[in-house]
């Protein structure tokens, strides 16, 4: 069973990279479009390549979600802290696992790394709990509520090997869930 899952994941990553490379192929046009948007003062809700709607899942994304459905762990409010914290701390154990998770979109303080996250509260202590997003091909605003289906794997981000969520599908949701969750687990800064 592992071999078909591996083949599906490999196929999914190849398709995702193809979309990513296609999106990056016309960077001059995108830079010009971004420049025009900035100079006109208009905000652009279009995604990176102008063809993908951040509010919907594409047909190819949905096909991949359907193929992986049997092997996907859906992260709930009740399991968020445990699964995301453990995945972030133990990439060797969680590597290759497919999850579907909702949370806030944010970009780290360095301005380069997109994350899906929530805040975990244990008494007076608040802890950032999230995973970096890899192969993001849609644009989101800070604080957008998103749903991501992806594969957990180790990636080098800012010179450090960390667990990251390789995106299979991502969309902005109209209705936000709970951004702050109670948690009795150990506190870790991620």
C-alpha atoms as a PDB file:
ATOM      1  CA  UNK A   1       0.000   0.000   0.000  1.00  0.00           C
ATOM      2  CA  UNK A   2       2.932   2.362   0.662  1.00  0.00           C
ATOM      3  CA  UNK A   3       4.139   2.128  -2.948  1.00  0.00           C
ATOM      4  CA  UNK A   4       0.846   3.378  -4.533  1.00  0.00           C
ATOM      5  CA  UNK A   5       0.690   6.191  -1.960  1.00  0.00           C
ATOM      6  CA  UNK A   6       4.285   7.129  -2.765  1.00  0.00           C
ATOM      7  CA  UNK A   7       3.505   7.139  -6.475  1.00  0.00           C
ATOM      8  CA  UNK A   8       0.419   9.292  -5.930  1.00  0.00           C
ATOM      9  CA  UNK A   9       2.358  11.731  -3.768  1.00  0.00           C
ATOM     10  CA  UNK A  10       5.176  11.883  -6.331  1.00  0.00           C
ATOM     11  CA  UNK A  11       2.660  12.493  -9.136  1.00  0.00           C
ATOM     12  CA  UNK A  12       0.942  15.140  -7.039  1.00  0.00           C
ATOM     13  CA  UNK A  13       4.236  16.908  -6.337  1.00  0.00           C
ATOM     14  CA  UNK A  14       5.212  16.812 -10.023  1.00  0.00           C
ATOM     15  CA  UNK A  15       1.850  18.341 -10.969  1.00  0.00           C
ATOM     16  CA  UNK A  16       2.162  20.950  -8.227  1.00  0.00           C
ATOM     17  CA  UNK A  17       5.686  21.846  -9.290  1.00  0.00           C
ATOM     18  CA  UNK A  18       4.476  22.100 -12.887  1.00  0.00           C
ATOM     19  CA  UNK A  19       1.813  24.592 -11.794  1.00  0.00           C
ATOM     20  CA  UNK A  20       4.381  26.413  -9.683  1.00  0.00           C
ATOM     21  CA  UNK A  21       6.884  26.624 -12.539  1.00  0.00           C
ATOM     22  CA  UNK A  22       4.164  27.737 -14.931  1.00  0.00           C
ATOM     23  CA  UNK A  23       3.192  30.426 -12.437  1.00  0.00           C
ATOM     24  CA  UNK A  24       6.816  31.546 -12.170  1.00  0.00           C
ATOM     25  CA  UNK A  25       7.448  31.399 -15.917  1.00  0.00           C
ATOM     26  CA  UNK A  26       6.195  34.897 -16.659  1.00  0.00           C
ATOM     27  CA  UNK A  27       7.820  36.710 -13.759  1.00  0.00           C
ATOM     28  CA  UNK A  28       8.480  39.823 -15.845  1.00  0.00           C
ATOM     29  CA  UNK A  29       4.779  40.155 -16.590  1.00  0.00           C
ATOM     30  CA  UNK A  30       3.904  39.513 -12.961  1.00  0.00           C
ATOM     31  CA  UNK A  31       6.414  42.078 -11.736  1.00  0.00           C
ATOM     32  CA  UNK A  32       4.997  44.603 -14.191  1.00  0.00           C
ATOM     33  CA  UNK A  33       1.421  43.759 -13.121  1.00  0.00           C
ATOM     34  CA  UNK A  34       2.394  44.081  -9.439  1.00  0.00           C
ATOM     35  CA  UNK A  35       4.116  47.376 -10.143  1.00  0.00           C
ATOM     36  CA  UNK A  36       1.069  48.688 -11.981  1.00  0.00           C
ATOM     37  CA  UNK A  37      -1.174  47.577  -9.106  1.00  0.00           C
ATOM     38  CA  UNK A  38       1.059  49.277  -6.535  1.00  0.00           C
ATOM     39  CA  UNK A  39       1.240  52.501  -8.527  1.00  0.00           C
ATOM     40  CA  UNK A  40      -2.513  52.579  -9.092  1.00  0.00           C
ATOM     41  CA  UNK A  41      -3.174  51.947  -5.385  1.00  0.00           C
ATOM     42  CA  UNK A  42      -5.538  49.056  -6.159  1.00  0.00           C
ATOM     43  CA  UNK A  43      -5.421  45.869  -4.188  1.00  0.00           C
ATOM     44  CA  UNK A  44      -5.163  42.717  -6.277  1.00  0.00           C
ATOM     45  CA  UNK A  45      -7.064  39.655  -5.038  1.00  0.00           C
ATOM     46  CA  UNK A  46      -5.747  37.510  -7.895  1.00  0.00           C
ATOM     47  CA  UNK A  47      -3.297  34.787  -7.060  1.00  0.00           C
ATOM     48  CA  UNK A  48       0.304  34.454  -8.154  1.00  0.00           C
ATOM     49  CA  UNK A  49      -0.325  33.455 -11.764  1.00  0.00           C
ATOM     50  CA  UNK A  50      -3.640  35.226 -12.286  1.00  0.00           C
ATOM     51  CA  UNK A  51      -5.494  32.012 -13.191  1.00  0.00           C
ATOM     52  CA  UNK A  52      -6.063  30.438  -9.799  1.00  0.00           C
ATOM     53  CA  UNK A  53      -8.815  31.635  -7.496  1.00  0.00           C
ATOM     54  CA  UNK A  54      -7.660  31.570  -3.849  1.00  0.00           C
ATOM     55  CA  UNK A  55     -11.263  30.962  -2.754  1.00  0.00           C
ATOM     56  CA  UNK A  56     -11.689  27.703  -4.685  1.00  0.00           C
ATOM     57  CA  UNK A  57      -9.978  24.399  -5.240  1.00  0.00           C
ATOM     58  CA  UNK A  58      -9.050  23.668  -8.866  1.00  0.00           C
ATOM     59  CA  UNK A  59     -10.241  20.515 -10.619  1.00  0.00           C
ATOM     60  CA  UNK A  60      -6.729  19.021 -10.499  1.00  0.00           C
ATOM     61  CA  UNK A  61      -6.425  19.847  -6.783  1.00  0.00           C
ATOM     62  CA  UNK A  62      -9.792  18.180  -6.133  1.00  0.00           C
ATOM     63  CA  UNK A  63      -8.755  15.084  -8.101  1.00  0.00           C
ATOM     64  CA  UNK A  64      -5.610  14.794  -5.968  1.00  0.00           C
ATOM     65  CA  UNK A  65      -7.606  15.317  -2.750  1.00  0.00           C
ATOM     66  CA  UNK A  66      -9.969  12.544  -3.857  1.00  0.00           C
ATOM     67  CA  UNK A  67      -7.041  10.197  -4.623  1.00  0.00           C
ATOM     68  CA  UNK A  68      -5.495  10.838  -1.195  1.00  0.00           C
ATOM     69  CA  UNK A  69      -8.766  10.859   0.781  1.00  0.00           C
ATOM     70  CA  UNK A  70      -8.279   7.391   2.266  1.00  0.00           C
ATOM     71  CA  UNK A  71      -4.832   8.316   3.610  1.00  0.00           C
ATOM     72  CA  UNK A  72      -5.655  11.861   4.768  1.00  0.00           C
ATOM     73  CA  UNK A  73      -5.834  12.781   8.442  1.00  0.00           C
ATOM     74  CA  UNK A  74      -8.299  15.614   8.997  1.00  0.00           C
ATOM     75  CA  UNK A  75      -6.989  17.872  11.765  1.00  0.00           C
ATOM     76  CA  UNK A  76      -9.820  19.134  13.988  1.00  0.00           C
ATOM     77  CA  UNK A  77      -9.873  21.843  16.654  1.00  0.00           C
ATOM     78  CA  UNK A  78      -9.494  19.093  19.253  1.00  0.00           C
ATOM     79  CA  UNK A  79      -6.473  17.468  17.557  1.00  0.00           C
ATOM     80  CA  UNK A  80      -4.782  20.586  16.151  1.00  0.00           C
ATOM     81  CA  UNK A  81      -2.330  21.182  19.004  1.00  0.00           C
ATOM     82  CA  UNK A  82      -1.249  17.579  19.269  1.00  0.00           C
ATOM     83  CA  UNK A  83      -0.871  16.830  15.552  1.00  0.00           C
ATOM     84  CA  UNK A  84       0.689  20.101  14.397  1.00  0.00           C
ATOM     85  CA  UNK A  85       3.012  20.390  17.397  1.00  0.00           C
ATOM     86  CA  UNK A  86       4.176  16.782  17.064  1.00  0.00           C
ATOM     87  CA  UNK A  87       4.577  17.095  13.284  1.00  0.00           C
ATOM     88  CA  UNK A  88       6.673  20.243  13.731  1.00  0.00           C
ATOM     89  CA  UNK A  89       8.881  18.570  16.342  1.00  0.00           C
ATOM     90  CA  UNK A  90       9.191  15.116  14.768  1.00  0.00           C
ATOM     91  CA  UNK A  91       9.563  15.279  10.970  1.00  0.00           C
ATOM     92  CA  UNK A  92      11.070  11.787  10.996  1.00  0.00           C
ATOM     93  CA  UNK A  93       7.829  10.342  12.417  1.00  0.00           C
ATOM     94  CA  UNK A  94       5.344  12.438  10.412  1.00  0.00           C
ATOM     95  CA  UNK A  95       7.227  12.602   7.101  1.00  0.00           C
ATOM     96  CA  UNK A  96       5.028  11.573   4.184  1.00  0.00           C
ATOM     97  CA  UNK A  97       1.752  11.840   6.110  1.00  0.00           C
ATOM     98  CA  UNK A  98      -1.133  13.597   4.375  1.00  0.00           C
ATOM     99  CA  UNK A  99      -3.198  16.013   6.445  1.00  0.00           C
ATOM    100  CA  UNK A 100      -6.016  18.459   5.897  1.00  0.00           C
ATOM    101  CA  UNK A 101      -5.956  21.435   8.258  1.00  0.00           C
ATOM    102  CA  UNK A 102      -7.576  24.834   8.687  1.00  0.00           C
ATOM    103  CA  UNK A 103      -5.938  27.881  10.215  1.00  0.00           C
ATOM    104  CA  UNK A 104      -4.736  31.422   9.772  1.00  0.00           C
ATOM    105  CA  UNK A 105      -2.428  32.369   6.933  1.00  0.00           C
ATOM    106  CA  UNK A 106       0.572  34.339   8.114  1.00  0.00           C
ATOM    107  CA  UNK A 107       4.043  35.201   6.911  1.00  0.00           C
ATOM    108  CA  UNK A 108       6.922  34.985   9.365  1.00  0.00           C
ATOM    109  CA  UNK A 109       8.776  38.026  10.618  1.00  0.00           C
ATOM    110  CA  UNK A 110      11.441  37.544   7.929  1.00  0.00           C
ATOM    111  CA  UNK A 111       8.702  38.206   5.385  1.00  0.00           C
ATOM    112  CA  UNK A 112       9.530  35.166   3.297  1.00  0.00           C
ATOM    113  CA  UNK A 113       7.969  32.098   4.857  1.00  0.00           C
ATOM    114  CA  UNK A 114       4.202  31.514   4.629  1.00  0.00           C
ATOM    115  CA  UNK A 115       2.608  29.514   7.468  1.00  0.00           C
ATOM    116  CA  UNK A 116      -0.696  28.043   8.477  1.00  0.00           C
ATOM    117  CA  UNK A 117      -1.083  28.554  12.198  1.00  0.00           C
ATOM    118  CA  UNK A 118      -3.204  28.992  15.274  1.00  0.00           C
ATOM    119  CA  UNK A 119      -2.456  30.198  18.771  1.00  0.00           C
ATOM    120  CA  UNK A 120      -2.519  27.589  21.516  1.00  0.00           C
ATOM    121  CA  UNK A 121      -3.368  28.822  25.032  1.00  0.00           C
ATOM    122  CA  UNK A 122      -2.319  26.994  28.195  1.00  0.00           C
ATOM    123  CA  UNK A 123      -3.320  29.111  31.198  1.00  0.00           C
ATOM    124  CA  UNK A 124      -1.609  32.485  30.722  1.00  0.00           C
ATOM    125  CA  UNK A 125       0.833  31.167  28.116  1.00  0.00           C
ATOM    126  CA  UNK A 126       0.154  31.611  24.390  1.00  0.00           C
ATOM    127  CA  UNK A 127       2.130  29.593  21.843  1.00  0.00           C
ATOM    128  CA  UNK A 128       2.349  29.983  18.061  1.00  0.00           C
ATOM    129  CA  UNK A 129       1.625  26.556  16.572  1.00  0.00           C
ATOM    130  CA  UNK A 130       1.925  26.102  12.830  1.00  0.00           C
ATOM    131  CA  UNK A 131       3.719  24.674   9.841  1.00  0.00           C
ATOM    132  CA  UNK A 132       5.467  26.462   6.983  1.00  0.00           C
ATOM    133  CA  UNK A 133       3.792  26.089   3.587  1.00  0.00           C
ATOM    134  CA  UNK A 134       5.792  24.855   0.605  1.00  0.00           C
ATOM    135  CA  UNK A 135       4.712  25.127  -3.065  1.00  0.00           C
ATOM    136  CA  UNK A 136       2.182  27.889  -2.362  1.00  0.00           C
ATOM    137  CA  UNK A 137       0.789  29.002  -5.730  1.00  0.00           C
ATOM    138  CA  UNK A 138      -1.986  31.321  -4.577  1.00  0.00           C
ATOM    139  CA  UNK A 139      -1.871  34.694  -2.864  1.00  0.00           C
ATOM    140  CA  UNK A 140      -3.442  35.270   0.526  1.00  0.00           C
ATOM    141  CA  UNK A 141      -3.633  38.211   2.879  1.00  0.00           C
ATOM    142  CA  UNK A 142      -2.292  38.113   6.431  1.00  0.00           C
ATOM    143  CA  UNK A 143      -5.020  36.646   8.650  1.00  0.00           C
ATOM    144  CA  UNK A 144      -6.993  34.878   5.886  1.00  0.00           C
ATOM    145  CA  UNK A 145      -8.618  31.678   7.102  1.00  0.00           C
ATOM    146  CA  UNK A 146      -7.371  28.887   4.829  1.00  0.00           C
ATOM    147  CA  UNK A 147      -7.810  25.158   4.417  1.00  0.00           C
ATOM    148  CA  UNK A 148      -4.775  23.195   3.266  1.00  0.00           C
ATOM    149  CA  UNK A 149      -4.437  19.597   2.177  1.00  0.00           C
ATOM    150  CA  UNK A 150      -0.800  18.635   2.045  1.00  0.00           C
ATOM    151  CA  UNK A 151       2.030  16.245   2.782  1.00  0.00           C
ATOM    152  CA  UNK A 152       4.308  16.750   5.779  1.00  0.00           C
ATOM    153  CA  UNK A 153       7.996  16.539   4.874  1.00  0.00           C
ATOM    154  CA  UNK A 154      11.290  18.045   5.995  1.00  0.00           C
ATOM    155  CA  UNK A 155      12.448  21.150   4.103  1.00  0.00           C
ATOM    156  CA  UNK A 156      15.260  23.606   4.555  1.00  0.00           C
ATOM    157  CA  UNK A 157      13.832  26.995   5.447  1.00  0.00           C
ATOM    158  CA  UNK A 158      16.156  29.854   6.321  1.00  0.00           C
ATOM    159  CA  UNK A 159      19.043  27.404   6.589  1.00  0.00           C
ATOM    160  CA  UNK A 160      17.295  25.058   9.027  1.00  0.00           C
ATOM    161  CA  UNK A 161      15.669  21.694   8.311  1.00  0.00           C
ATOM    162  CA  UNK A 162      12.070  21.817   9.560  1.00  0.00           C
ATOM    163  CA  UNK A 163       8.777  20.031   9.017  1.00  0.00           C
ATOM    164  CA  UNK A 164       6.771  21.779   6.327  1.00  0.00           C
ATOM    165  CA  UNK A 165       3.431  21.205   4.671  1.00  0.00           C
ATOM    166  CA  UNK A 166       3.814  20.544   0.931  1.00  0.00           C
ATOM    167  CA  UNK A 167       0.596  21.904  -0.540  1.00  0.00           C
ATOM    168  CA  UNK A 168      -1.653  19.655  -2.565  1.00  0.00           C
ATOM    169  CA  UNK A 169      -4.610  22.048  -2.394  1.00  0.00           C
ATOM    170  CA  UNK A 170      -5.276  25.314  -0.615  1.00  0.00           C
ATOM    171  CA  UNK A 171      -8.200  27.686  -0.495  1.00  0.00           C
ATOM    172  CA  UNK A 172      -9.382  30.707   1.445  1.00  0.00           C
ATOM    173  CA  UNK A 173     -12.571  29.960   3.367  1.00  0.00           C
ATOM    174  CA  UNK A 174     -15.396  32.432   3.783  1.00  0.00           C
ATOM    175  CA  UNK A 175     -16.029  31.502   7.408  1.00  0.00           C
ATOM    176  CA  UNK A 176     -13.146  31.501   9.886  1.00  0.00           C
ATOM    177  CA  UNK A 177     -12.775  28.923  12.608  1.00  0.00           C
ATOM    178  CA  UNK A 178     -11.184  29.314  16.025  1.00  0.00           C
ATOM    179  CA  UNK A 179      -7.799  31.013  15.720  1.00  0.00           C
ATOM    180  CA  UNK A 180      -7.116  30.570  19.446  1.00  0.00           C
ATOM    181  CA  UNK A 181      -7.483  27.131  20.983  1.00  0.00           C
ATOM    182  CA  UNK A 182      -7.138  25.902  24.569  1.00  0.00           C
ATOM    183  CA  UNK A 183      -4.395  23.330  24.963  1.00  0.00           C
ATOM    184  CA  UNK A 184      -2.996  21.352  27.851  1.00  0.00           C
ATOM    185  CA  UNK A 185       0.013  20.040  25.914  1.00  0.00           C
ATOM    186  CA  UNK A 186       3.639  21.134  26.271  1.00  0.00           C
ATOM    187  CA  UNK A 187       4.525  24.595  25.027  1.00  0.00           C
ATOM    188  CA  UNK A 188       6.912  24.875  22.102  1.00  0.00           C
ATOM    189  CA  UNK A 189       7.704  27.920  19.998  1.00  0.00           C
ATOM    190  CA  UNK A 190       7.413  26.934  16.309  1.00  0.00           C
END
